[in-house]
Amino acid sequence: MKKALIIGLGVLVLGSAVTARAATGDYYDRLGNRIDARLDARGERIENRLDARGDRINERLDSRGQRINDRLDAKGDRINDRFDSLADKARADGKTKLADRLDRRGDRIEQRLDERGNRIQARLDQRGNRIDRRLDHRGERVEHRWDRRGDRINHQLDHVGDHHRPFGHR
């Protein structure tokens, strides 16, 4: 009777220890999943913030280039209109060679200002695209790094409750 009672208590202790160990392993598994999810979310937030920053900078540089281009186009049009009116006045006075020269000069100045505005706009557009692309890649790298870190922690915590394998082995 005494022997049966000791064996029964022994089985009871072993049974509760196995369940406690399983519960402990489950706890660390859930902990690893929570840590992984938190680090993934942090990486995603950082990536989204860098992506939005790159988009804002790109939009600002694009609008600035468009503004400068429009201003130079308007200036070229005003100068060309002024030379056209002088050319019309010279034609009315019978000075056709002077009128042609004034026409060509106005067209040349307008074309040069238009090309200058287009160059400035293209340069600012390329600069904005380059900054946006760089911040996008940087955000992807950061997000990937946080994701890997979370996966590594989760993987290590998966093995904390598992006593059949050593902690350091994967």
C-alpha atoms as a PDB file:
ATOM      1  CA  MET A   1       0.000   0.000   0.000  1.00  0.00           C
ATOM      2  CA  LYS A   2       2.779   2.373   0.946  1.00  0.00           C
ATOM      3  CA  LYS A   3       4.672   1.478  -2.205  1.00  0.00           C
ATOM      4  CA  ALA A   4       1.598   2.037  -4.407  1.00  0.00           C
ATOM      5  CA  LEU A   5       0.980   5.397  -2.777  1.00  0.00           C
ATOM      6  CA  ILE A   6       4.576   6.517  -3.437  1.00  0.00           C
ATOM      7  CA  ILE A   7       4.388   5.336  -7.051  1.00  0.00           C
ATOM      8  CA  GLY A   8       1.064   7.179  -7.504  1.00  0.00           C
ATOM      9  CA  LEU A   9       2.483  10.377  -6.054  1.00  0.00           C
ATOM     10  CA  GLY A  10       5.549  10.003  -8.252  1.00  0.00           C
ATOM     11  CA  VAL A  11       3.401   9.660 -11.364  1.00  0.00           C
ATOM     12  CA  LEU A  12       1.336  12.660 -10.262  1.00  0.00           C
ATOM     13  CA  VAL A  13       4.474  14.799  -9.784  1.00  0.00           C
ATOM     14  CA  LEU A  14       5.915  13.744 -13.134  1.00  0.00           C
ATOM     15  CA  GLY A  15       2.603  14.401 -14.886  1.00  0.00           C
ATOM     16  CA  SER A  16       2.331  17.919 -13.454  1.00  0.00           C
ATOM     17  CA  ALA A  17       5.984  18.670 -14.255  1.00  0.00           C
ATOM     18  CA  VAL A  18       5.483  17.696 -17.900  1.00  0.00           C
ATOM     19  CA  THR A  19       2.415  19.939 -18.148  1.00  0.00           C
ATOM     20  CA  ALA A  20       4.268  22.794 -16.436  1.00  0.00           C
ATOM     21  CA  ARG A  21       7.148  22.405 -18.846  1.00  0.00           C
ATOM     22  CA  ALA A  22       4.747  22.369 -21.812  1.00  0.00           C
ATOM     23  CA  ALA A  23       3.023  25.482 -20.475  1.00  0.00           C
ATOM     24  CA  THR A  24       6.406  27.152 -20.045  1.00  0.00           C
ATOM     25  CA  GLY A  25       7.336  26.317 -23.645  1.00  0.00           C
ATOM     26  CA  ASP A  26       3.993  27.646 -24.815  1.00  0.00           C
ATOM     27  CA  TYR A  27       4.587  30.860 -22.858  1.00  0.00           C
ATOM     28  CA  TYR A  28       7.947  31.429 -24.550  1.00  0.00           C
ATOM     29  CA  ASP A  29       6.447  30.569 -27.925  1.00  0.00           C
ATOM     30  CA  ARG A  30       3.751  33.222 -27.468  1.00  0.00           C
ATOM     31  CA  LEU A  31       6.365  35.665 -26.131  1.00  0.00           C
ATOM     32  CA  GLY A  32       8.509  35.108 -29.216  1.00  0.00           C
ATOM     33  CA  ASN A  33       5.524  35.674 -31.481  1.00  0.00           C
ATOM     34  CA  ARG A  34       4.650  38.918 -29.673  1.00  0.00           C
ATOM     35  CA  ILE A  35       8.229  40.193 -29.860  1.00  0.00           C
ATOM     36  CA  ASP A  36       8.430  39.258 -33.550  1.00  0.00           C
ATOM     37  CA  ALA A  37       5.151  41.028 -34.325  1.00  0.00           C
ATOM     38  CA  ARG A  38       6.233  44.127 -32.387  1.00  0.00           C
ATOM     39  CA  LEU A  39       9.596  44.333 -34.189  1.00  0.00           C
ATOM     40  CA  ASP A  40       7.927  43.727 -37.564  1.00  0.00           C
ATOM     41  CA  ALA A  41       5.486  46.569 -36.861  1.00  0.00           C
ATOM     42  CA  ARG A  42       8.339  48.872 -35.820  1.00  0.00           C
ATOM     43  CA  GLY A  43      10.229  48.137 -39.032  1.00  0.00           C
ATOM     44  CA  GLU A  44       7.095  48.713 -41.080  1.00  0.00           C
ATOM     45  CA  ARG A  45       6.432  52.053 -39.342  1.00  0.00           C
ATOM     46  CA  ILE A  46       9.986  53.216 -40.010  1.00  0.00           C
ATOM     47  CA  GLU A  47       9.759  52.126 -43.647  1.00  0.00           C
ATOM     48  CA  ASN A  48       6.448  53.931 -44.129  1.00  0.00           C
ATOM     49  CA  ARG A  49       7.813  57.076 -42.485  1.00  0.00           C
ATOM     50  CA  LEU A  50      10.903  57.105 -44.730  1.00  0.00           C
ATOM     51  CA  ASP A  51       8.763  56.397 -47.797  1.00  0.00           C
ATOM     52  CA  ALA A  52       6.432  59.291 -46.954  1.00  0.00           C
ATOM     53  CA  ARG A  53       9.410  61.580 -46.346  1.00  0.00           C
ATOM     54  CA  GLY A  54      10.884  60.689 -49.746  1.00  0.00           C
ATOM     55  CA  ASP A  55       7.530  61.319 -51.430  1.00  0.00           C
ATOM     56  CA  ARG A  56       7.192  64.722 -49.729  1.00  0.00           C
ATOM     57  CA  ILE A  57      10.696  65.785 -50.784  1.00  0.00           C
ATOM     58  CA  ASN A  58      10.101  64.563 -54.335  1.00  0.00           C
ATOM     59  CA  GLU A  59       6.791  66.439 -54.574  1.00  0.00           C
ATOM     60  CA  ARG A  60       8.364  69.615 -53.184  1.00  0.00           C
ATOM     61  CA  LEU A  61      11.244  69.516 -55.680  1.00  0.00           C
ATOM     62  CA  ASP A  62       8.889  68.708 -58.572  1.00  0.00           C
ATOM     63  CA  SER A  63       6.621  71.669 -57.761  1.00  0.00           C
ATOM     64  CA  ARG A  64       9.636  73.941 -57.300  1.00  0.00           C
ATOM     65  CA  GLY A  65      11.000  72.944 -60.714  1.00  0.00           C
ATOM     66  CA  GLN A  66       7.584  73.462 -62.295  1.00  0.00           C
ATOM     67  CA  ARG A  67       7.292  76.926 -60.696  1.00  0.00           C
ATOM     68  CA  ILE A  68      10.744  77.982 -61.937  1.00  0.00           C
ATOM     69  CA  ASN A  69      10.031  76.618 -65.425  1.00  0.00           C
ATOM     70  CA  ASP A  70       6.691  78.454 -65.625  1.00  0.00           C
ATOM     71  CA  ARG A  71       8.283  81.687 -64.408  1.00  0.00           C
ATOM     72  CA  LEU A  72      11.071  81.504 -67.020  1.00  0.00           C
ATOM     73  CA  ASP A  73       8.551  80.633 -69.769  1.00  0.00           C
ATOM     74  CA  ALA A  74       6.447  83.650 -68.841  1.00  0.00           C
ATOM     75  CA  LYS A  75       9.529  85.862 -68.803  1.00  0.00           C
ATOM     76  CA  GLY A  76      10.547  84.589 -72.259  1.00  0.00           C
ATOM     77  CA  ASP A  77       7.034  85.242 -73.577  1.00  0.00           C
ATOM     78  CA  ARG A  78       7.024  88.797 -72.188  1.00  0.00           C
ATOM     79  CA  ILE A  79      10.422  89.568 -73.734  1.00  0.00           C
ATOM     80  CA  ASN A  80       9.387  88.039 -77.072  1.00  0.00           C
ATOM     81  CA  ASP A  81       6.135  90.027 -77.066  1.00  0.00           C
ATOM     82  CA  ARG A  82       8.088  93.220 -76.405  1.00  0.00           C
ATOM     83  CA  PHE A  83      10.469  92.490 -79.309  1.00  0.00           C
ATOM     84  CA  ASP A  84       7.507  91.537 -81.530  1.00  0.00           C
ATOM     85  CA  SER A  85       5.855  94.891 -80.834  1.00  0.00           C
ATOM     86  CA  LEU A  86       9.149  96.677 -81.605  1.00  0.00           C
ATOM     87  CA  ALA A  87       9.422  94.649 -84.812  1.00  0.00           C
ATOM     88  CA  ASP A  88       5.869  95.590 -85.820  1.00  0.00           C
ATOM     89  CA  LYS A  89       6.675  99.245 -85.168  1.00  0.00           C
ATOM     90  CA  ALA A  90       9.861  98.953 -87.291  1.00  0.00           C
ATOM     91  CA  ARG A  91       7.889  97.282 -90.108  1.00  0.00           C
ATOM     92  CA  ALA A  92       5.362 100.094 -89.994  1.00  0.00           C
ATOM     93  CA  ASP A  93       8.246 102.546 -90.459  1.00  0.00           C
ATOM     94  CA  GLY A  94       9.499 100.471 -93.428  1.00  0.00           C
ATOM     95  CA  LYS A  95      12.575  99.027 -91.681  1.00  0.00           C
ATOM     96  CA  THR A  96      12.115  95.346 -92.569  1.00  0.00           C
ATOM     97  CA  LYS A  97      15.668  94.192 -91.866  1.00  0.00           C
ATOM     98  CA  LEU A  98      15.536  95.705 -88.373  1.00  0.00           C
ATOM     99  CA  ALA A  99      12.101  94.139 -87.834  1.00  0.00           C
ATOM    100  CA  ASP A 100      13.396  90.671 -88.863  1.00  0.00           C
ATOM    101  CA  ARG A 101      16.417  91.047 -86.611  1.00  0.00           C
ATOM    102  CA  LEU A 102      14.215  92.047 -83.641  1.00  0.00           C
ATOM    103  CA  ASP A 103      11.890  89.104 -84.344  1.00  0.00           C
ATOM    104  CA  ARG A 104      14.791  86.639 -84.403  1.00  0.00           C
ATOM    105  CA  ARG A 105      16.274  88.159 -81.248  1.00  0.00           C
ATOM    106  CA  GLY A 106      12.991  87.856 -79.354  1.00  0.00           C
ATOM    107  CA  ASP A 107      12.536  84.251 -80.507  1.00  0.00           C
ATOM    108  CA  ARG A 108      16.129  83.399 -79.562  1.00  0.00           C
ATOM    109  CA  ILE A 109      15.776  84.858 -76.044  1.00  0.00           C
ATOM    110  CA  GLU A 110      12.432  83.100 -75.524  1.00  0.00           C
ATOM    111  CA  GLN A 111      13.879  79.772 -76.682  1.00  0.00           C
ATOM    112  CA  ARG A 112      16.935  80.134 -74.443  1.00  0.00           C
ATOM    113  CA  LEU A 113      14.778  80.901 -71.381  1.00  0.00           C
ATOM    114  CA  ASP A 114      12.449  77.980 -72.200  1.00  0.00           C
ATOM    115  CA  GLU A 115      15.385  75.580 -72.467  1.00  0.00           C
ATOM    116  CA  ARG A 116      16.864  76.937 -69.255  1.00  0.00           C
ATOM    117  CA  GLY A 117      13.570  76.382 -67.436  1.00  0.00           C
ATOM    118  CA  ASN A 118      13.294  72.855 -68.826  1.00  0.00           C
ATOM    119  CA  ARG A 119      16.847  72.039 -67.711  1.00  0.00           C
ATOM    120  CA  ILE A 120      16.220  73.334 -64.187  1.00  0.00           C
ATOM    121  CA  GLN A 121      12.940  71.442 -63.949  1.00  0.00           C
ATOM    122  CA  ALA A 122      14.540  68.197 -65.175  1.00  0.00           C
ATOM    123  CA  ARG A 123      17.459  68.557 -62.756  1.00  0.00           C
ATOM    124  CA  LEU A 124      15.170  69.136 -59.762  1.00  0.00           C
ATOM    125  CA  ASP A 125      12.929  66.277 -60.876  1.00  0.00           C
ATOM    126  CA  GLN A 126      15.911  63.891 -61.100  1.00  0.00           C
ATOM    127  CA  ARG A 127      17.167  65.056 -57.723  1.00  0.00           C
ATOM    128  CA  GLY A 128      13.760  64.444 -56.137  1.00  0.00           C
ATOM    129  CA  ASN A 129      13.490  60.999 -57.716  1.00  0.00           C
ATOM    130  CA  ARG A 130      16.978  60.086 -56.514  1.00  0.00           C
ATOM    131  CA  ILE A 131      16.228  61.175 -52.935  1.00  0.00           C
ATOM    132  CA  ASP A 132      12.884  59.343 -52.984  1.00  0.00           C
ATOM    133  CA  ARG A 133      14.500  56.164 -54.313  1.00  0.00           C
ATOM    134  CA  ARG A 134      17.310  56.350 -51.735  1.00  0.00           C
ATOM    135  CA  LEU A 135      14.874  56.786 -48.829  1.00  0.00           C
ATOM    136  CA  ASP A 136      12.694  53.951 -50.154  1.00  0.00           C
ATOM    137  CA  HIS A 137      15.666  51.581 -50.285  1.00  0.00           C
ATOM    138  CA  ARG A 138      16.824  52.719 -46.861  1.00  0.00           C
ATOM    139  CA  GLY A 139      13.358  52.049 -45.431  1.00  0.00           C
ATOM    140  CA  GLU A 140      13.272  48.591 -47.006  1.00  0.00           C
ATOM    141  CA  ARG A 141      16.670  47.758 -45.520  1.00  0.00           C
ATOM    142  CA  VAL A 142      15.617  48.945 -42.056  1.00  0.00           C
ATOM    143  CA  GLU A 143      12.327  47.038 -42.255  1.00  0.00           C
ATOM    144  CA  HIS A 144      14.134  43.888 -43.384  1.00  0.00           C
ATOM    145  CA  ARG A 145      16.663  44.215 -40.551  1.00  0.00           C
ATOM    146  CA  TRP A 146      13.911  44.548 -37.901  1.00  0.00           C
ATOM    147  CA  ASP A 147      12.060  41.625 -39.465  1.00  0.00           C
ATOM    148  CA  ARG A 148      15.147  39.409 -39.326  1.00  0.00           C
ATOM    149  CA  ARG A 149      15.829  40.434 -35.728  1.00  0.00           C
ATOM    150  CA  GLY A 150      12.277  39.552 -34.694  1.00  0.00           C
ATOM    151  CA  ASP A 151      12.443  36.226 -36.519  1.00  0.00           C
ATOM    152  CA  ARG A 152      15.736  35.379 -34.835  1.00  0.00           C
ATOM    153  CA  ILE A 153      14.392  36.174 -31.350  1.00  0.00           C
ATOM    154  CA  ASN A 154      11.203  34.222 -32.042  1.00  0.00           C
ATOM    155  CA  HIS A 155      13.217  31.248 -33.295  1.00  0.00           C
ATOM    156  CA  GLN A 156      15.418  31.263 -30.195  1.00  0.00           C
ATOM    157  CA  LEU A 157      12.446  31.531 -27.848  1.00  0.00           C
ATOM    158  CA  ASP A 158      10.735  28.636 -29.627  1.00  0.00           C
ATOM    159  CA  HIS A 159      13.493  26.386 -28.283  1.00  0.00           C
ATOM    160  CA  VAL A 160      13.489  27.655 -24.670  1.00  0.00           C
ATOM    161  CA  GLY A 161      10.786  25.212 -23.565  1.00  0.00           C
ATOM    162  CA  ASP A 162      12.153  22.427 -25.740  1.00  0.00           C
ATOM    163  CA  HIS A 163      14.688  20.586 -23.579  1.00  0.00           C
ATOM    164  CA  HIS A 164      15.548  18.026 -26.198  1.00  0.00           C
ATOM    165  CA  ARG A 165      17.674  20.474 -28.170  1.00  0.00           C
ATOM    166  CA  PRO A 166      20.336  22.816 -26.790  1.00  0.00           C
ATOM    167  CA  PHE A 167      19.442  26.532 -26.723  1.00  0.00           C
ATOM    168  CA  GLY A 168      22.067  27.720 -29.161  1.00  0.00           C
ATOM    169  CA  HIS A 169      21.295  25.209 -31.942  1.00  0.00           C
ATOM    170  CA  ARG A 170      18.779  26.142 -34.567  1.00  0.00           C
END
